[in-house]
Amino acid sequence: DQIKQATGISNNEEIVTTFIKAEEQNYSLYNY
């Protein structure tokens, strides 16, 4: 609910997908 309020994303699946993509990008940057 807090994430939805802060981001305007209303779909739980979209929140999870966005989080996973961000984590993948962070991992790539860490490796770089």
PDB file of all heavy atoms in Angstrom:
ATOM      1  N   ASP A   1       0.831  -1.209   0.000  1.00  0.00           N
ATOM      2  CA  ASP A   1       0.000   0.000   0.000  1.00  0.00           C
ATOM      3  C   ASP A   1       0.865   1.258   0.000  1.00  0.00           C
ATOM      4  O   ASP A   1       0.570   2.226  -0.708  1.00  0.00           O
ATOM      5  CB  ASP A   1      -0.953   0.009   1.200  1.00  0.00           C
ATOM      6  CG  ASP A   1      -2.075  -1.012   1.067  1.00  0.00           C
ATOM      7  OD1 ASP A   1      -2.347  -1.466  -0.071  1.00  0.00           O
ATOM      8  OD2 ASP A   1      -2.681  -1.360   2.101  1.00  0.00           O
ATOM      9  N   GLN A   2       1.947   1.246   0.774  1.00  0.00           N
ATOM     10  CA  GLN A   2       2.850   2.399   0.805  1.00  0.00           C
ATOM     11  C   GLN A   2       3.536   2.591  -0.544  1.00  0.00           C
ATOM     12  O   GLN A   2       3.679   3.728  -1.022  1.00  0.00           O
ATOM     13  CB  GLN A   2       3.904   2.221   1.896  1.00  0.00           C
ATOM     14  CG  GLN A   2       3.354   2.366   3.297  1.00  0.00           C
ATOM     15  CD  GLN A   2       4.417   2.114   4.355  1.00  0.00           C
ATOM     16  OE1 GLN A   2       5.587   1.901   4.048  1.00  0.00           O
ATOM     17  NE2 GLN A   2       3.996   2.138   5.614  1.00  0.00           N
ATOM     18  N   ILE A   3       3.962   1.496  -1.153  1.00  0.00           N
ATOM     19  CA  ILE A   3       4.602   1.574  -2.469  1.00  0.00           C
ATOM     20  C   ILE A   3       3.621   2.102  -3.501  1.00  0.00           C
ATOM     21  O   ILE A   3       3.965   2.959  -4.327  1.00  0.00           O
ATOM     22  CB  ILE A   3       5.173   0.196  -2.887  1.00  0.00           C
ATOM     23  CG1 ILE A   3       6.329  -0.198  -1.974  1.00  0.00           C
ATOM     24  CG2 ILE A   3       5.611   0.217  -4.354  1.00  0.00           C
ATOM     25  CD1 ILE A   3       6.774  -1.641  -2.116  1.00  0.00           C
ATOM     26  N   LYS A   4       2.398   1.603  -3.456  1.00  0.00           N
ATOM     27  CA  LYS A   4       1.365   2.068  -4.393  1.00  0.00           C
ATOM     28  C   LYS A   4       1.139   3.563  -4.239  1.00  0.00           C
ATOM     29  O   LYS A   4       1.037   4.296  -5.225  1.00  0.00           O
ATOM     30  CB  LYS A   4       0.054   1.319  -4.155  1.00  0.00           C
ATOM     31  CG  LYS A   4       0.075  -0.110  -4.633  1.00  0.00           C
ATOM     32  CD  LYS A   4      -1.226  -0.813  -4.269  1.00  0.00           C
ATOM     33  CE  LYS A   4      -1.178  -2.274  -4.664  1.00  0.00           C
ATOM     34  NZ  LYS A   4      -2.405  -2.995  -4.266  1.00  0.00           N
ATOM     35  N   GLN A   5       1.075   4.011  -3.008  1.00  0.00           N
ATOM     36  CA  GLN A   5       0.834   5.425  -2.739  1.00  0.00           C
ATOM     37  C   GLN A   5       2.015   6.282  -3.208  1.00  0.00           C
ATOM     38  O   GLN A   5       1.830   7.349  -3.784  1.00  0.00           O
ATOM     39  CB  GLN A   5       0.599   5.616  -1.244  1.00  0.00           C
ATOM     40  CG  GLN A   5      -0.058   6.899  -0.866  1.00  0.00           C
ATOM     41  CD  GLN A   5      -0.443   6.907   0.595  1.00  0.00           C
ATOM     42  OE1 GLN A   5       0.311   6.439   1.450  1.00  0.00           O
ATOM     43  NE2 GLN A   5      -1.618   7.447   0.885  1.00  0.00           N
ATOM     44  N   ALA A   6       3.227   5.805  -2.985  1.00  0.00           N
ATOM     45  CA  ALA A   6       4.421   6.580  -3.331  1.00  0.00           C
ATOM     46  C   ALA A   6       4.703   6.601  -4.833  1.00  0.00           C
ATOM     47  O   ALA A   6       5.221   7.587  -5.353  1.00  0.00           O
ATOM     48  CB  ALA A   6       5.631   6.023  -2.587  1.00  0.00           C
ATOM     49  N   THR A   7       4.371   5.499  -5.518  1.00  0.00           N
ATOM     50  CA  THR A   7       4.739   5.388  -6.937  1.00  0.00           C
ATOM     51  C   THR A   7       3.575   5.623  -7.895  1.00  0.00           C
ATOM     52  O   THR A   7       3.805   5.899  -9.073  1.00  0.00           O
ATOM     53  CB  THR A   7       5.303   3.988  -7.245  1.00  0.00           C
ATOM     54  OG1 THR A   7       4.283   3.010  -7.028  1.00  0.00           O
ATOM     55  CG2 THR A   7       6.522   3.688  -6.388  1.00  0.00           C
ATOM     56  N   GLY A   8       2.375   5.459  -7.416  1.00  0.00           N
ATOM     57  CA  GLY A   8       1.224   5.568  -8.303  1.00  0.00           C
ATOM     58  C   GLY A   8       0.947   4.277  -9.063  1.00  0.00           C
ATOM     59  O   GLY A   8       0.020   4.208  -9.856  1.00  0.00           O
ATOM     60  N   ILE A   9       1.756   3.251  -8.812  1.00  0.00           N
ATOM     61  CA  ILE A   9       1.531   1.942  -9.438  1.00  0.00           C
ATOM     62  C   ILE A   9       0.473   1.220  -8.614  1.00  0.00           C
ATOM     63  O   ILE A   9       0.618   1.053  -7.416  1.00  0.00           O
ATOM     64  CB  ILE A   9       2.827   1.109  -9.488  1.00  0.00           C
ATOM     65  CG1 ILE A   9       3.906   1.834 -10.287  1.00  0.00           C
ATOM     66  CG2 ILE A   9       2.558  -0.276 -10.073  1.00  0.00           C
ATOM     67  CD1 ILE A   9       5.274   1.177 -10.226  1.00  0.00           C
ATOM     68  N   SER A  10      -0.588   0.782  -9.266  1.00  0.00           N
ATOM     69  CA  SER A  10      -1.685   0.180  -8.517  1.00  0.00           C
ATOM     70  C   SER A  10      -1.716  -1.342  -8.587  1.00  0.00           C
ATOM     71  O   SER A  10      -2.452  -1.979  -7.841  1.00  0.00           O
ATOM     72  CB  SER A  10      -3.017   0.731  -9.022  1.00  0.00           C
ATOM     73  OG  SER A  10      -3.184   0.409 -10.386  1.00  0.00           O
ATOM     74  N   ASN A  11      -0.891  -1.920  -9.445  1.00  0.00           N
ATOM     75  CA  ASN A  11      -0.917  -3.366  -9.656  1.00  0.00           C
ATOM     76  C   ASN A  11       0.266  -4.013  -8.927  1.00  0.00           C
ATOM     77  O   ASN A  11       1.423  -3.651  -9.162  1.00  0.00           O
ATOM     78  CB  ASN A  11      -0.837  -3.632 -11.167  1.00  0.00           C
ATOM     79  CG  ASN A  11      -0.928  -5.080 -11.521  1.00  0.00           C
ATOM     80  OD1 ASN A  11      -0.292  -5.918 -10.896  1.00  0.00           O
ATOM     81  ND2 ASN A  11      -1.703  -5.382 -12.546  1.00  0.00           N
ATOM     82  N   ASN A  12      -0.035  -4.988  -8.061  1.00  0.00           N
ATOM     83  CA  ASN A  12       1.025  -5.666  -7.307  1.00  0.00           C
ATOM     84  C   ASN A  12       2.033  -6.340  -8.229  1.00  0.00           C
ATOM     85  O   ASN A  12       3.237  -6.312  -7.969  1.00  0.00           O
ATOM     86  CB  ASN A  12       0.441  -6.700  -6.349  1.00  0.00           C
ATOM     87  CG  ASN A  12      -0.224  -6.060  -5.151  1.00  0.00           C
ATOM     88  OD1 ASN A  12      -0.110  -4.860  -4.919  1.00  0.00           O
ATOM     89  ND2 ASN A  12      -0.922  -6.865  -4.371  1.00  0.00           N
ATOM     90  N   GLU A  13       1.556  -6.959  -9.295  1.00  0.00           N
ATOM     91  CA  GLU A  13       2.461  -7.639 -10.228  1.00  0.00           C
ATOM     92  C   GLU A  13       3.412  -6.648 -10.890  1.00  0.00           C
ATOM     93  O   GLU A  13       4.600  -6.942 -11.088  1.00  0.00           O
ATOM     94  CB  GLU A  13       1.664  -8.406 -11.287  1.00  0.00           C
ATOM     95  CG  GLU A  13       0.991  -9.649 -10.745  1.00  0.00           C
ATOM     96  CD  GLU A  13       0.245 -10.420 -11.820  1.00  0.00           C
ATOM     97  OE1 GLU A  13       0.665 -10.367 -12.998  1.00  0.00           O
ATOM     98  OE2 GLU A  13      -0.754 -11.071 -11.477  1.00  0.00           O
ATOM     99  N   GLU A  14       2.922  -5.468 -11.206  1.00  0.00           N
ATOM    100  CA  GLU A  14       3.772  -4.448 -11.816  1.00  0.00           C
ATOM    101  C   GLU A  14       4.827  -3.959 -10.822  1.00  0.00           C
ATOM    102  O   GLU A  14       5.973  -3.722 -11.190  1.00  0.00           O
ATOM    103  CB  GLU A  14       2.921  -3.270 -12.302  1.00  0.00           C
ATOM    104  CG  GLU A  14       3.721  -2.248 -13.086  1.00  0.00           C
ATOM    105  CD  GLU A  14       2.851  -1.111 -13.622  1.00  0.00           C
ATOM    106  OE1 GLU A  14       1.616  -1.202 -13.557  1.00  0.00           O
ATOM    107  OE2 GLU A  14       3.451  -0.140 -14.098  1.00  0.00           O
ATOM    108  N   ILE A  15       4.445  -3.845  -9.560  1.00  0.00           N
ATOM    109  CA  ILE A  15       5.406  -3.458  -8.520  1.00  0.00           C
ATOM    110  C   ILE A  15       6.507  -4.501  -8.423  1.00  0.00           C
ATOM    111  O   ILE A  15       7.695  -4.172  -8.394  1.00  0.00           O
ATOM    112  CB  ILE A  15       4.702  -3.282  -7.158  1.00  0.00           C
ATOM    113  CG1 ILE A  15       3.784  -2.058  -7.198  1.00  0.00           C
ATOM    114  CG2 ILE A  15       5.718  -3.152  -6.027  1.00  0.00           C
ATOM    115  CD1 ILE A  15       2.873  -1.928  -5.988  1.00  0.00           C
ATOM    116  N   VAL A  16       6.128  -5.766  -8.393  1.00  0.00           N
ATOM    117  CA  VAL A  16       7.104  -6.855  -8.279  1.00  0.00           C
ATOM    118  C   VAL A  16       8.011  -6.875  -9.508  1.00  0.00           C
ATOM    119  O   VAL A  16       9.235  -6.989  -9.391  1.00  0.00           O
ATOM    120  CB  VAL A  16       6.400  -8.214  -8.077  1.00  0.00           C
ATOM    121  CG1 VAL A  16       7.382  -9.369  -8.174  1.00  0.00           C
ATOM    122  CG2 VAL A  16       5.677  -8.243  -6.735  1.00  0.00           C
ATOM    123  N   THR A  17       7.429  -6.751 -10.691  1.00  0.00           N
ATOM    124  CA  THR A  17       8.210  -6.753 -11.929  1.00  0.00           C
ATOM    125  C   THR A  17       9.193  -5.583 -11.949  1.00  0.00           C
ATOM    126  O   THR A  17      10.367  -5.752 -12.302  1.00  0.00           O
ATOM    127  CB  THR A  17       7.282  -6.676 -13.159  1.00  0.00           C
ATOM    128  OG1 THR A  17       6.414  -7.810 -13.143  1.00  0.00           O
ATOM    129  CG2 THR A  17       8.064  -6.654 -14.453  1.00  0.00           C
ATOM    130  N   THR A  18       8.739  -4.420 -11.553  1.00  0.00           N
ATOM    131  CA  THR A  18       9.599  -3.240 -11.508  1.00  0.00           C
ATOM    132  C   THR A  18      10.737  -3.448 -10.526  1.00  0.00           C
ATOM    133  O   THR A  18      11.899  -3.117 -10.800  1.00  0.00           O
ATOM    134  CB  THR A  18       8.781  -1.990 -11.129  1.00  0.00           C
ATOM    135  OG1 THR A  18       7.739  -1.816 -12.084  1.00  0.00           O
ATOM    136  CG2 THR A  18       9.641  -0.750 -11.075  1.00  0.00           C
ATOM    137  N   PHE A  19      10.425  -4.022  -9.370  1.00  0.00           N
ATOM    138  CA  PHE A  19      11.443  -4.287  -8.356  1.00  0.00           C
ATOM    139  C   PHE A  19      12.480  -5.280  -8.880  1.00  0.00           C
ATOM    140  O   PHE A  19      13.687  -5.065  -8.721  1.00  0.00           O
ATOM    141  CB  PHE A  19      10.787  -4.836  -7.085  1.00  0.00           C
ATOM    142  CG  PHE A  19      11.778  -5.169  -6.010  1.00  0.00           C
ATOM    143  CD1 PHE A  19      12.282  -4.194  -5.181  1.00  0.00           C
ATOM    144  CD2 PHE A  19      12.211  -6.476  -5.824  1.00  0.00           C
ATOM    145  CE1 PHE A  19      13.199  -4.499  -4.189  1.00  0.00           C
ATOM    146  CE2 PHE A  19      13.128  -6.800  -4.844  1.00  0.00           C
ATOM    147  CZ  PHE A  19      13.622  -5.809  -4.018  1.00  0.00           C
ATOM    148  N   ILE A  20      12.024  -6.341  -9.514  1.00  0.00           N
ATOM    149  CA  ILE A  20      12.941  -7.360 -10.043  1.00  0.00           C
ATOM    150  C   ILE A  20      13.852  -6.750 -11.101  1.00  0.00           C
ATOM    151  O   ILE A  20      15.066  -6.997 -11.103  1.00  0.00           O
ATOM    152  CB  ILE A  20      12.166  -8.574 -10.587  1.00  0.00           C
ATOM    153  CG1 ILE A  20      11.529  -9.349  -9.427  1.00  0.00           C
ATOM    154  CG2 ILE A  20      13.075  -9.485 -11.410  1.00  0.00           C
ATOM    155  CD1 ILE A  20      10.540 -10.415  -9.850  1.00  0.00           C
ATOM    156  N   LYS A  21      13.296  -5.951 -11.994  1.00  0.00           N
ATOM    157  CA  LYS A  21      14.111  -5.305 -13.025  1.00  0.00           C
ATOM    158  C   LYS A  21      15.153  -4.381 -12.398  1.00  0.00           C
ATOM    159  O   LYS A  21      16.310  -4.352 -12.829  1.00  0.00           O
ATOM    160  CB  LYS A  21      13.236  -4.523 -13.997  1.00  0.00           C
ATOM    161  CG  LYS A  21      12.466  -5.401 -14.959  1.00  0.00           C
ATOM    162  CD  LYS A  21      11.618  -4.573 -15.904  1.00  0.00           C
ATOM    163  CE  LYS A  21      10.817  -5.474 -16.825  1.00  0.00           C
ATOM    164  NZ  LYS A  21       9.961  -4.700 -17.743  1.00  0.00           N
ATOM    165  N   ALA A  22      14.753  -3.644 -11.374  1.00  0.00           N
ATOM    166  CA  ALA A  22      15.692  -2.750 -10.691  1.00  0.00           C
ATOM    167  C   ALA A  22      16.798  -3.551 -10.009  1.00  0.00           C
ATOM    168  O   ALA A  22      17.971  -3.163 -10.039  1.00  0.00           O
ATOM    169  CB  ALA A  22      14.951  -1.882  -9.675  1.00  0.00           C
ATOM    170  N   GLU A  23      16.443  -4.663  -9.397  1.00  0.00           N
ATOM    171  CA  GLU A  23      17.442  -5.516  -8.747  1.00  0.00           C
ATOM    172  C   GLU A  23      18.415  -6.095  -9.764  1.00  0.00           C
ATOM    173  O   GLU A  23      19.616  -6.176  -9.500  1.00  0.00           O
ATOM    174  CB  GLU A  23      16.761  -6.644  -7.965  1.00  0.00           C
ATOM    175  CG  GLU A  23      16.171  -6.198  -6.649  1.00  0.00           C
ATOM    176  CD  GLU A  23      17.233  -5.665  -5.696  1.00  0.00           C
ATOM    177  OE1 GLU A  23      18.181  -6.396  -5.369  1.00  0.00           O
ATOM    178  OE2 GLU A  23      17.118  -4.501  -5.290  1.00  0.00           O
ATOM    179  N   GLU A  24      17.911  -6.502 -10.925  1.00  0.00           N
ATOM    180  CA  GLU A  24      18.779  -7.023 -11.979  1.00  0.00           C
ATOM    181  C   GLU A  24      19.748  -5.946 -12.455  1.00  0.00           C
ATOM    182  O   GLU A  24      20.938  -6.210 -12.672  1.00  0.00           O
ATOM    183  CB  GLU A  24      17.944  -7.553 -13.146  1.00  0.00           C
ATOM    184  CG  GLU A  24      17.209  -8.843 -12.831  1.00  0.00           C
ATOM    185  CD  GLU A  24      16.220  -9.262 -13.899  1.00  0.00           C
ATOM    186  OE1 GLU A  24      15.935  -8.461 -14.823  1.00  0.00           O
ATOM    187  OE2 GLU A  24      15.710 -10.385 -13.807  1.00  0.00           O
ATOM    188  N   GLN A  25      19.251  -4.724 -12.605  1.00  0.00           N
ATOM    189  CA  GLN A  25      20.106  -3.621 -13.029  1.00  0.00           C
ATOM    190  C   GLN A  25      21.153  -3.319 -11.951  1.00  0.00           C
ATOM    191  O   GLN A  25      22.326  -3.109 -12.264  1.00  0.00           O
ATOM    192  CB  GLN A  25      19.281  -2.378 -13.314  1.00  0.00           C
ATOM    193  CG  GLN A  25      20.109  -1.224 -13.840  1.00  0.00           C
ATOM    194  CD  GLN A  25      19.274  -0.009 -14.163  1.00  0.00           C
ATOM    195  OE1 GLN A  25      18.152   0.137 -13.679  1.00  0.00           O
ATOM    196  NE2 GLN A  25      19.802   0.875 -14.972  1.00  0.00           N
ATOM    197  N   ASN A  26      20.743  -3.312 -10.692  1.00  0.00           N
ATOM    198  CA  ASN A  26      21.688  -3.072  -9.598  1.00  0.00           C
ATOM    199  C   ASN A  26      22.765  -4.142  -9.566  1.00  0.00           C
ATOM    200  O   ASN A  26      23.949  -3.843  -9.344  1.00  0.00           O
ATOM    201  CB  ASN A  26      20.964  -3.020  -8.256  1.00  0.00           C
ATOM    202  CG  ASN A  26      20.178  -1.749  -8.073  1.00  0.00           C
ATOM    203  OD1 ASN A  26      20.429  -0.754  -8.728  1.00  0.00           O
ATOM    204  ND2 ASN A  26      19.213  -1.783  -7.175  1.00  0.00           N
ATOM    205  N   TYR A  27      22.390  -5.389  -9.795  1.00  0.00           N
ATOM    206  CA  TYR A  27      23.358  -6.486  -9.792  1.00  0.00           C
ATOM    207  C   TYR A  27      24.349  -6.323 -10.947  1.00  0.00           C
ATOM    208  O   TYR A  27      25.555  -6.508 -10.767  1.00  0.00           O
ATOM    209  CB  TYR A  27      22.630  -7.828  -9.870  1.00  0.00           C
ATOM    210  CG  TYR A  27      23.556  -9.014  -9.752  1.00  0.00           C
ATOM    211  CD1 TYR A  27      24.170  -9.327  -8.548  1.00  0.00           C
ATOM    212  CD2 TYR A  27      23.816  -9.825 -10.854  1.00  0.00           C
ATOM    213  CE1 TYR A  27      25.030 -10.404  -8.435  1.00  0.00           C
ATOM    214  CE2 TYR A  27      24.665 -10.914 -10.746  1.00  0.00           C
ATOM    215  CZ  TYR A  27      25.264 -11.201  -9.537  1.00  0.00           C
ATOM    216  OH  TYR A  27      26.121 -12.267  -9.435  1.00  0.00           O
ATOM    217  N   SER A  28      23.843  -5.938 -12.101  1.00  0.00           N
ATOM    218  CA  SER A  28      24.724  -5.706 -13.252  1.00  0.00           C
ATOM    219  C   SER A  28      25.704  -4.576 -12.964  1.00  0.00           C
ATOM    220  O   SER A  28      26.890  -4.673 -13.275  1.00  0.00           O
ATOM    221  CB  SER A  28      23.908  -5.373 -14.493  1.00  0.00           C
ATOM    222  OG  SER A  28      23.150  -6.477 -14.901  1.00  0.00           O
ATOM    223  N   LEU A  29      25.203  -3.501 -12.367  1.00  0.00           N
ATOM    224  CA  LEU A  29      26.075  -2.377 -12.030  1.00  0.00           C
ATOM    225  C   LEU A  29      27.107  -2.781 -10.977  1.00  0.00           C
ATOM    226  O   LEU A  29      28.273  -2.385 -11.055  1.00  0.00           O
ATOM    227  CB  LEU A  29      25.249  -1.199 -11.528  1.00  0.00           C
ATOM    228  CG  LEU A  29      24.406  -0.493 -12.593  1.00  0.00           C
ATOM    229  CD1 LEU A  29      23.463   0.516 -11.937  1.00  0.00           C
ATOM    230  CD2 LEU A  29      25.282   0.181 -13.626  1.00  0.00           C
ATOM    231  N   TYR A  30      26.692  -3.575 -10.009  1.00  0.00           N
ATOM    232  CA  TYR A  30      27.617  -4.070  -8.991  1.00  0.00           C
ATOM    233  C   TYR A  30      28.741  -4.870  -9.648  1.00  0.00           C
ATOM    234  O   TYR A  30      29.916  -4.684  -9.327  1.00  0.00           O
ATOM    235  CB  TYR A  30      26.870  -4.929  -7.972  1.00  0.00           C
ATOM    236  CG  TYR A  30      27.790  -5.668  -7.041  1.00  0.00           C
ATOM    237  CD1 TYR A  30      28.351  -5.042  -5.941  1.00  0.00           C
ATOM    238  CD2 TYR A  30      28.114  -7.008  -7.275  1.00  0.00           C
ATOM    239  CE1 TYR A  30      29.213  -5.716  -5.091  1.00  0.00           C
ATOM    240  CE2 TYR A  30      28.970  -7.687  -6.433  1.00  0.00           C
ATOM    241  CZ  TYR A  30      29.513  -7.035  -5.334  1.00  0.00           C
ATOM    242  OH  TYR A  30      30.370  -7.715  -4.515  1.00  0.00           O
ATOM    243  N   ASN A  31      28.378  -5.772 -10.551  1.00  0.00           N
ATOM    244  CA  ASN A  31      29.383  -6.577 -11.244  1.00  0.00           C
ATOM    245  C   ASN A  31      30.319  -5.709 -12.077  1.00  0.00           C
ATOM    246  O   ASN A  31      31.529  -5.959 -12.124  1.00  0.00           O
ATOM    247  CB  ASN A  31      28.723  -7.630 -12.133  1.00  0.00           C
ATOM    248  CG  ASN A  31      28.174  -8.778 -11.326  1.00  0.00           C
ATOM    249  OD1 ASN A  31      28.647  -9.079 -10.237  1.00  0.00           O
ATOM    250  ND2 ASN A  31      27.152  -9.426 -11.857  1.00  0.00           N
ATOM    251  N   TYR A  32      29.787  -4.688 -12.727  1.00  0.00           N
ATOM    252  CA  TYR A  32      30.602  -3.784 -13.536  1.00  0.00           C
ATOM    253  C   TYR A  32      31.603  -3.032 -12.659  1.00  0.00           C
ATOM    254  O   TYR A  32      32.785  -2.935 -12.991  1.00  0.00           O
ATOM    255  CB  TYR A  32      29.700  -2.819 -14.297  1.00  0.00           C
ATOM    256  CG  TYR A  32      30.451  -1.843 -15.167  1.00  0.00           C
ATOM    257  CD1 TYR A  32      31.173  -2.282 -16.277  1.00  0.00           C
ATOM    258  CD2 TYR A  32      30.443  -0.484 -14.882  1.00  0.00           C
ATOM    259  CE1 TYR A  32      31.868  -1.395 -17.076  1.00  0.00           C
ATOM    260  CE2 TYR A  32      31.138   0.414 -15.681  1.00  0.00           C
ATOM    261  CZ  TYR A  32      31.845  -0.047 -16.773  1.00  0.00           C
ATOM    262  OH  TYR A  32      32.543   0.833 -17.555  1.00  0.00           O
TER     263      TYR A  32
END
